[in-house]
Protein backbone atom coordinates (compact mmCIF):
# COMPACT_ATOMS: atom_id res chain seq x y z
CA MET A 1 5.34 -4.39 -21.96
CA GLU A 2 6.95 -6.22 -19.07
CA THR A 3 6.54 -9.97 -19.32
CA LEU A 4 5.90 -12.44 -16.52
CA GLN A 5 9.46 -13.69 -16.76
CA ASP A 6 10.77 -10.09 -16.58
CA THR A 7 8.80 -9.56 -13.41
CA LEU A 8 10.14 -12.80 -11.82
CA LYS A 9 13.72 -11.78 -12.62
CA LYS A 10 13.17 -8.25 -11.26
CA ASN A 11 11.62 -9.66 -8.13
CA GLU A 12 14.84 -11.65 -7.46
CA LYS A 13 16.67 -8.30 -7.39
CA GLN A 14 13.99 -6.88 -5.25
CA LYS A 15 14.37 -9.69 -2.78
CA GLU A 16 18.09 -9.00 -2.50
CA PHE A 17 17.42 -5.30 -2.08
CA TYR A 18 15.00 -5.87 0.82
CA ASN A 19 17.19 -8.51 2.43
CA LYS A 20 20.22 -6.17 2.48
CA LYS A 21 18.46 -2.83 2.28
CA LYS A 22 21.30 -1.07 0.50
CA LYS A 23 20.12 2.33 -0.78
CA SER A 24 21.83 4.96 -2.83
CA LEU A 25 22.58 8.32 -1.18
CA PRO A 26 19.60 10.05 -3.01
CA SER A 27 17.34 7.18 -1.90
CA ARG A 28 18.48 7.53 1.69
CA ILE A 29 17.86 11.33 1.59
CA TRP A 30 14.42 10.77 0.03
CA SER A 31 13.60 8.09 2.69
CA PHE A 32 14.72 10.50 5.46
CA VAL A 33 12.59 13.42 4.02
CA ARG A 34 9.58 11.06 3.60
CA GLU A 35 9.86 9.68 7.08
CA LYS A 36 10.42 13.02 8.70
CA SER A 37 7.84 15.01 6.64
CA LEU A 38 5.10 12.84 5.16
CA LYS A 39 4.95 10.31 7.92
CA ASN A 40 4.97 13.06 10.60
CA ILE A 41 2.21 14.82 8.76
CA ARG A 42 0.04 11.67 8.51
CA LYS A 43 0.65 11.07 12.22
CA GLU A 44 -0.04 14.67 13.37
CA LEU A 45 -3.25 15.01 11.31
CA GLY A 46 -4.51 11.51 12.27
CA ILE A 47 -4.31 10.18 8.71
CA LEU A 48 -2.42 7.01 9.61
CA GLU A 49 -4.78 6.17 12.50
CA GLN A 50 -7.83 6.83 10.39
CA SER A 51 -6.59 4.78 7.44
CA TYR A 52 -5.83 1.76 9.60
CA ALA A 53 -9.19 2.07 11.25
CA LEU A 54 -10.90 2.21 7.87
CA HIS A 55 -9.03 -0.93 6.75
CA GLN A 56 -10.12 -2.72 9.83
CA GLN A 57 -13.68 -1.66 9.28
CA TRP A 58 -13.54 -2.84 5.63
CA MET A 59 -12.23 -6.25 6.77
CA GLY A 60 -15.40 -6.86 8.70
CA ASP A 61 -15.79 -10.15 10.58
CA LEU A 62 -12.71 -12.20 9.71
CA SER A 63 -13.59 -15.33 11.69
CA ASN A 64 -14.57 -17.32 8.67
CA LYS A 65 -12.09 -15.71 6.18
CA ARG A 66 -8.94 -16.98 4.55
CA VAL A 67 -6.53 -13.96 4.42
CA LEU A 68 -3.50 -13.23 2.30
CA ASP A 69 -1.27 -10.48 3.72
CA LEU A 70 0.56 -9.64 0.43
CA GLY A 71 3.99 -8.06 0.64
CA CYS A 72 3.80 -7.98 4.44
CA TYR A 73 7.61 -7.89 5.02
CA SER A 74 8.07 -8.76 8.77
CA GLY A 75 4.51 -7.60 9.56
CA ASN A 76 2.59 -4.43 9.04
CA SER A 77 0.34 -2.60 11.53
CA LEU A 78 -2.62 -4.93 11.02
CA SER A 79 -0.83 -8.26 10.39
CA ARG A 80 -1.27 -9.39 14.00
CA TYR A 81 -4.86 -8.32 14.05
CA MET A 82 -5.67 -10.29 10.93
CA ALA A 83 -3.72 -13.38 12.01
CA THR A 84 -5.43 -13.45 15.35
CA ASN A 85 -9.00 -12.99 14.13
CA CYS A 86 -9.24 -14.81 10.78
CA LYS A 87 -9.79 -18.46 10.03
CA THR A 88 -6.55 -18.88 8.03
CA TYR A 89 -3.70 -16.33 7.66
CA VAL A 90 -0.95 -16.49 5.10
CA GLY A 91 1.77 -13.77 5.09
CA LEU A 92 3.70 -13.50 1.82
CA ASP A 93 6.87 -11.54 1.11
CA LEU A 94 9.91 -11.90 -1.15
CA SER A 95 12.35 -11.47 1.78
CA ASP A 96 13.14 -14.70 3.61
CA VAL A 97 14.88 -12.60 6.28
CA ALA A 98 11.69 -10.67 7.02
CA ILE A 99 9.46 -13.77 6.80
CA ALA A 100 11.61 -15.52 9.41
CA LYS A 101 10.94 -12.61 11.77
CA LEU A 102 7.21 -12.68 11.02
CA ASN A 103 6.93 -16.46 11.62
CA GLU A 104 8.54 -15.88 15.00
CA LYS A 105 5.82 -13.30 15.75
CA LEU A 106 3.13 -15.73 14.62
CA LYS A 107 4.33 -18.84 16.38
CA ASP A 108 1.58 -18.71 18.97
CA ILE A 109 -1.15 -18.63 16.38
CA PRO A 110 -1.79 -22.13 14.99
CA HIS A 111 -3.79 -21.07 11.94
CA ALA A 112 -1.20 -18.38 10.84
CA ARG A 113 1.98 -18.76 8.87
CA ALA A 114 4.28 -16.75 6.67
CA ILE A 115 5.90 -17.76 3.38
CA ALA A 116 8.90 -16.40 1.52
CA ALA A 117 7.90 -16.61 -2.13
CA ASP A 118 7.07 -14.59 -5.23
CA PHE A 119 3.35 -13.82 -5.68
CA PHE A 120 3.78 -14.61 -9.44
CA SER A 121 5.85 -17.79 -8.92
CA GLU A 122 4.34 -21.25 -9.62
CA ASP A 123 5.77 -22.23 -6.24
CA PHE A 124 3.17 -20.05 -4.59
CA THR A 125 0.15 -22.36 -4.92
CA GLU A 126 -2.06 -20.94 -2.14
CA SER A 127 -5.37 -19.55 -3.47
CA ASN A 128 -9.06 -19.08 -2.76
CA PHE A 129 -8.53 -16.11 -0.46
CA ASP A 130 -11.52 -14.21 0.90
CA LEU A 131 -9.28 -11.18 1.53
CA ILE A 132 -6.05 -9.93 0.09
CA TYR A 133 -4.54 -7.13 2.20
CA ALA A 134 -1.88 -5.22 0.37
CA TYR A 135 -0.48 -2.32 2.32
CA GLY A 136 2.01 -0.34 0.14
CA VAL A 137 2.38 -3.29 -2.33
CA LEU A 138 0.31 -3.03 -5.54
CA HIS A 139 2.39 -0.13 -6.86
CA HIS A 140 5.49 -2.41 -6.97
CA PHE A 141 4.29 -4.03 -10.24
CA LYS A 142 4.95 -2.34 -13.53
CA ASN A 143 2.66 -4.64 -15.56
CA VAL A 144 -0.68 -3.85 -13.97
CA ASP A 145 -2.60 -6.18 -16.30
CA ASN A 146 -0.64 -9.21 -15.06
CA LEU A 147 -1.11 -8.07 -11.44
CA ILE A 148 -4.84 -7.82 -11.90
CA LEU A 149 -5.05 -11.28 -13.48
CA ARG A 150 -3.01 -12.80 -10.66
CA LEU A 151 -5.06 -11.11 -7.96
CA ASP A 152 -8.26 -12.40 -9.59
CA GLU A 153 -6.81 -15.92 -9.79
CA LYS A 154 -5.97 -15.90 -6.02
CA LEU A 155 -9.33 -14.51 -4.81
CA ALA A 156 -12.22 -16.69 -3.93
CA PRO A 157 -15.64 -15.83 -5.49
CA GLY A 158 -16.66 -12.53 -3.97
CA GLY A 159 -13.20 -12.07 -2.44
CA GLU A 160 -11.99 -8.62 -1.56
CA ILE A 161 -8.84 -6.53 -1.83
CA ILE A 162 -7.81 -3.79 0.58
CA SER A 163 -4.87 -1.69 -0.44
CA TYR A 164 -2.92 1.47 0.31
CA ASP A 165 -0.69 2.88 -2.36
CA PRO A 166 0.97 6.15 -3.53
CA LEU A 167 -0.55 8.15 -6.37
CA GLN A 168 1.39 10.21 -8.85
CA THR A 169 -1.71 11.91 -10.29
CA SER A 170 -0.95 15.25 -8.63
CA TYR A 171 1.19 17.29 -11.01
CA PRO A 172 3.52 18.81 -8.40
CA ILE A 173 4.21 15.35 -6.96
CA TRP A 174 4.60 13.81 -10.37
CA PHE A 175 7.24 16.48 -11.20
CA ILE A 176 9.16 15.87 -7.94
CA ARG A 177 9.13 12.08 -8.51
CA MET A 178 10.49 12.50 -12.06
CA LEU A 179 13.40 14.60 -10.80
CA TYR A 180 14.22 12.01 -8.16
CA ARG A 181 13.56 8.80 -10.18
CA PRO A 182 16.85 8.62 -12.02
CA PHE A 183 18.73 8.37 -8.65
CA GLN A 184 16.27 6.00 -6.93
CA SER A 185 17.66 2.60 -5.86
CA ASP A 186 14.30 0.90 -6.03
CA ALA A 187 12.97 2.63 -9.16
CA ALA A 188 12.57 -0.67 -11.06
CA TRP A 189 9.68 -1.75 -8.77
CA GLU A 190 8.26 1.59 -7.74
CA TRP A 191 5.27 2.58 -9.95
CA PRO A 192 2.90 4.91 -8.04
CA PHE A 193 -0.64 4.74 -9.45
CA SER A 194 -1.38 6.81 -12.50
CA ARG A 195 -4.90 7.73 -13.59
CA LYS A 196 -4.64 4.84 -16.10
CA THR A 197 -3.63 2.41 -13.37
CA TYR A 198 -6.50 3.49 -11.09
CA ARG A 199 -9.02 3.11 -13.89
CA LYS A 200 -7.79 -0.43 -14.66
CA PHE A 201 -8.45 -1.50 -11.07
CA GLU A 202 -11.79 0.25 -11.11
CA SER A 203 -12.94 -1.51 -14.30
CA ASN A 204 -11.66 -5.00 -13.41
CA PHE A 205 -13.04 -5.12 -9.87
CA GLU A 206 -16.15 -3.84 -8.15
CA LEU A 207 -15.21 -0.62 -6.35
CA LEU A 208 -16.67 -0.74 -2.86
CA GLU A 209 -15.03 2.42 -1.45
CA ARG A 210 -12.00 4.61 -1.82
CA ARG A 211 -10.42 7.43 0.19
CA GLY A 212 -7.52 9.61 -0.94
CA VAL A 213 -5.26 11.37 1.52
CA LEU A 214 -2.71 14.16 1.30
CA GLY A 215 -4.57 16.25 -1.29
CA LYS A 216 -5.16 19.71 0.12
CA SER A 217 -3.55 18.53 3.37
CA LYS A 218 -0.18 17.80 1.67
CA TRP A 219 0.41 21.54 1.87
CA TYR A 220 0.36 21.40 5.65
CA PHE A 221 4.21 21.29 5.76
CA LEU A 222 4.20 24.79 4.17
CA TYR A 223 1.37 26.10 6.32
CA ALA A 224 3.24 24.87 9.42
CA MET A 225 6.05 27.28 8.58
CA LEU A 226 3.80 30.27 8.96
CA PRO A 227 3.94 32.38 12.22
CA PHE A 228 0.71 30.95 13.59
CA SER A 229 0.04 29.02 16.85
CA LYS A 230 0.42 25.26 16.79
CA GLU A 231 -3.29 24.93 17.51
CA LYS A 232 -4.26 27.00 14.50
CA LYS A 233 -1.93 25.13 12.23
CA LEU A 234 -3.38 21.81 13.36
CA ARG A 235 -6.92 23.01 12.96
CA TRP A 236 -6.16 23.98 9.33
CA GLY A 237 -4.36 20.68 8.69
CA LYS A 238 -7.07 18.50 10.16
CA ALA A 239 -9.79 20.42 8.30
CA ALA A 240 -7.86 19.99 5.08
CA HIS A 241 -7.56 16.23 5.71
CA ARG A 242 -11.37 15.96 6.43
CA TYR A 243 -12.01 17.67 3.10
CA ASP A 244 -9.63 15.31 1.28
CA TRP A 245 -11.23 12.33 2.96
CA GLU A 246 -14.79 13.21 1.98
CA ARG A 247 -14.23 14.71 -1.45
CA SER A 248 -11.87 11.92 -2.77
CA ALA A 249 -14.63 9.40 -2.13
CA VAL A 250 -16.90 11.05 -4.71
CA SER A 251 -14.74 13.25 -6.88
CA ASN A 252 -12.11 11.87 -9.42
CA SER A 253 -10.54 15.38 -9.78
CA HIS A 254 -10.02 15.68 -6.04
CA LEU A 255 -8.85 12.02 -5.71
CA TYR A 256 -6.17 12.83 -8.34
CA SER A 257 -4.94 15.74 -6.27
CA CYS A 258 -4.09 13.31 -3.48
CA MET A 259 -0.77 11.61 -2.85
CA GLN A 260 -1.93 8.25 -1.45
CA LEU A 261 -5.06 6.03 -1.86
CA ASN A 262 -7.02 3.69 0.31
CA LEU A 263 -8.89 1.23 -1.99
CA HIS A 264 -11.51 -1.42 -1.21
CA LEU A 265 -12.38 -3.75 -4.13
CA ARG A 266 -14.35 -6.92 -4.72
CA LYS A 267 -13.89 -9.68 -7.29
CA LYS A 268 -16.61 -9.45 -9.93
């Protein structure tokens, strides 16, 4: 089991990685494929737009909320929205290079600031957050038990978590990831949610809502190769996404066929 000290040491390496962004050739190839395939699929089928809209809906009225934008790098798609509309905004990331850029973006918002620090470090003393927004962040921690404890410590009573993370509960995706993992530059802090990981979050927090994406619709890239019109391909892809969106909210088996997960939790 990874100890807290192990995590802190590893996060120093992670900080250096994200400051310099030096990736191995296999990692660069995977990033290219991911950006050109998965991201394009999510954009074409409206998955990205719908996920961001859902997160914004889950946030509700931010005017009296203290918000932590966890692992925000130089700002994600909703960082500016949160910072502008909440009572207090704190952006947190390991990379001092990225945080300097984010602070420049936030300089016109008096109640918003960004900090370069480790979420697990004693130097990060901020707490009592009404909302922790973690876009593509929670899967960076191998020791899920320590992560859950830390999240619970930092949340105010009744505080909420909104997250978006990859799943490796689909067997084809699990197999592909296992083939690629030995060559992955950032493998030490890349731990897509397993069934066990998901169940730990579900049991330690109150599950308010969830939505999986890229279940049936992940096969859109194959369907798009067939000799059909662009309109017919898009109709199939969007229908597949709608099916994923609705079924993953109520069916564990369908959720586990998805590649990525939107999660809305509340402190018990």
